[in-house]
Every structure is written in structure tokens, then in C-alpha cells.
Amino acid sequence: MYKLFVGGLPFATTDDELNELFATYGTVASAVVVKDRDTGRSKGFGFVEFENDDEGKAAEQALNGSDLGGRSITVNEARPKEDKPRRF
């Protein structure tokens, strides 16, 4: 699996639209726009997983800095989530 972070998404972008954009580069295992837990609104970023590393890398190269809905999107390989201390 090759997981990509996609930032700078227009807030109206849906999971299906994200999947459709990346599917032109290969087999997308999942495409998710991250939403705010309380409001359900998009946070403006998401993650796309490819089954094939080469396809994921091709999508990263082609789409990083491209225009989506009037916004320049950032696409790069996702890093593992860091454990942050919880705030109370």
C-alpha cells in the first residue's frame, strides 16, 4: 500500500471526487476527505491509498501542485501519525 496525504483541498471536495481524481493513475484502495468530528465539515485535507506503489508515486508526481477547484493542492507520501500528548 502507498498512502498519500492530500492537502489544500476545496472544502466542498467529497470522497468520491478525490477517488475519481486519483483513479486516473491506478487502482485506488481508499480515498477519504478528513472531516471535523463536531461539525462534519471538511478540514481541507485527506488521504488516498494506492494498492501499487508505482501508481501512487506517479499520482504524487503528477498531482502535487495541481489545481483543484481553484486551489493548488499538495500531494506527498503520508507520514505515520505522531503520538502527541493529549490536552485537557
Protein backbone atom coordinates (compact mmCIF):
# COMPACT_ATOMS: atom_id res chain seq x y z
CA MET A 1 0.00 0.00 0.00
CA TYR A 2 1.17 3.52 -0.82
CA LYS A 3 -0.59 6.20 1.22
CA LEU A 4 -0.69 9.82 0.10
CA PHE A 5 -1.51 12.95 2.07
CA VAL A 6 -3.54 15.45 0.02
CA GLY A 7 -3.68 18.99 1.40
CA GLY A 8 -5.25 22.25 0.27
CA LEU A 9 -8.49 20.62 -0.84
CA PRO A 10 -11.50 22.83 -1.50
CA PHE A 11 -13.88 22.35 1.45
CA ALA A 12 -16.62 21.04 -0.87
CA THR A 13 -14.50 18.10 -2.10
CA THR A 14 -16.10 14.69 -1.46
CA ASP A 15 -14.52 11.26 -1.00
CA ASP A 16 -15.87 10.25 -4.43
CA GLU A 17 -14.35 13.29 -6.15
CA LEU A 18 -10.99 12.59 -4.51
CA ASN A 19 -11.18 8.95 -5.60
CA GLU A 20 -12.10 9.97 -9.16
CA LEU A 21 -9.17 12.41 -9.39
CA PHE A 22 -6.60 9.83 -8.32
CA ALA A 23 -8.14 6.78 -10.08
CA THR A 24 -6.76 8.01 -13.42
CA TYR A 25 -3.31 6.97 -12.12
CA GLY A 26 -4.16 3.47 -10.90
CA THR A 27 -6.17 1.35 -8.50
CA VAL A 28 -7.25 3.41 -5.50
CA ALA A 29 -7.82 1.29 -2.39
CA SER A 30 -9.36 4.19 -0.45
CA ALA A 31 -9.87 7.94 -0.68
CA VAL A 32 -11.05 9.86 2.37
CA VAL A 33 -11.56 13.56 3.00
CA VAL A 34 -10.97 14.22 6.71
CA LYS A 35 -13.94 15.87 8.40
CA ASP A 36 -14.31 17.74 11.67
CA ARG A 37 -15.69 15.45 14.35
CA ASP A 38 -18.12 18.03 15.72
CA THR A 39 -19.36 19.87 12.62
CA GLY A 40 -18.90 17.22 9.91
CA ARG A 41 -17.27 19.84 7.65
CA SER A 42 -14.15 19.08 5.64
CA LYS A 43 -10.83 20.05 7.21
CA GLY A 44 -9.36 20.67 3.74
CA PHE A 45 -7.16 17.58 3.57
CA GLY A 46 -7.45 13.87 3.04
CA PHE A 47 -5.68 10.61 2.34
CA VAL A 48 -5.56 8.36 -0.72
CA GLU A 49 -4.23 4.80 -0.65
CA PHE A 50 -2.99 3.01 -3.75
CA GLU A 51 -2.57 -0.74 -3.93
CA ASN A 52 0.53 -0.32 -6.12
CA ASP A 53 3.49 1.82 -5.01
CA ASP A 54 4.44 2.83 -8.57
CA GLU A 55 0.91 4.08 -9.30
CA GLY A 56 0.88 6.05 -6.06
CA LYS A 57 4.23 7.64 -6.83
CA ALA A 58 3.05 8.54 -10.36
CA ALA A 59 -0.06 10.23 -8.93
CA GLU A 60 2.08 12.08 -6.38
CA GLN A 61 4.39 13.41 -9.11
CA ALA A 62 1.56 14.38 -11.45
CA LEU A 63 -0.86 15.97 -8.98
CA ASN A 64 1.38 17.77 -6.47
CA GLY A 65 0.88 21.50 -7.06
CA SER A 66 -2.01 20.95 -9.48
CA ASP A 67 -5.24 22.96 -9.43
CA LEU A 68 -8.43 21.52 -7.95
CA GLY A 69 -11.45 23.79 -7.70
CA GLY A 70 -9.28 26.90 -7.90
CA ARG A 71 -6.87 25.75 -5.16
CA SER A 72 -3.36 24.41 -5.51
CA ILE A 73 -3.23 21.00 -3.83
CA THR A 74 -0.27 19.44 -2.06
CA VAL A 75 0.30 15.72 -2.60
CA ASN A 76 3.04 13.77 -0.83
CA GLU A 77 3.65 10.44 0.82
CA ALA A 78 1.83 10.25 4.15
CA ARG A 79 3.99 10.01 7.24
CA PRO A 80 2.95 7.87 10.21
CA LYS A 81 0.84 9.74 12.73
CA GLU A 82 2.92 11.02 15.63
CA ASP A 83 1.72 10.40 19.16
CA LYS A 84 1.02 13.77 20.71
CA PRO A 85 0.30 14.30 24.36
CA ARG A 86 -3.42 14.81 24.95
CA ARG A 87 -4.54 18.26 26.01
CA PHE A 88 -7.13 18.60 28.72
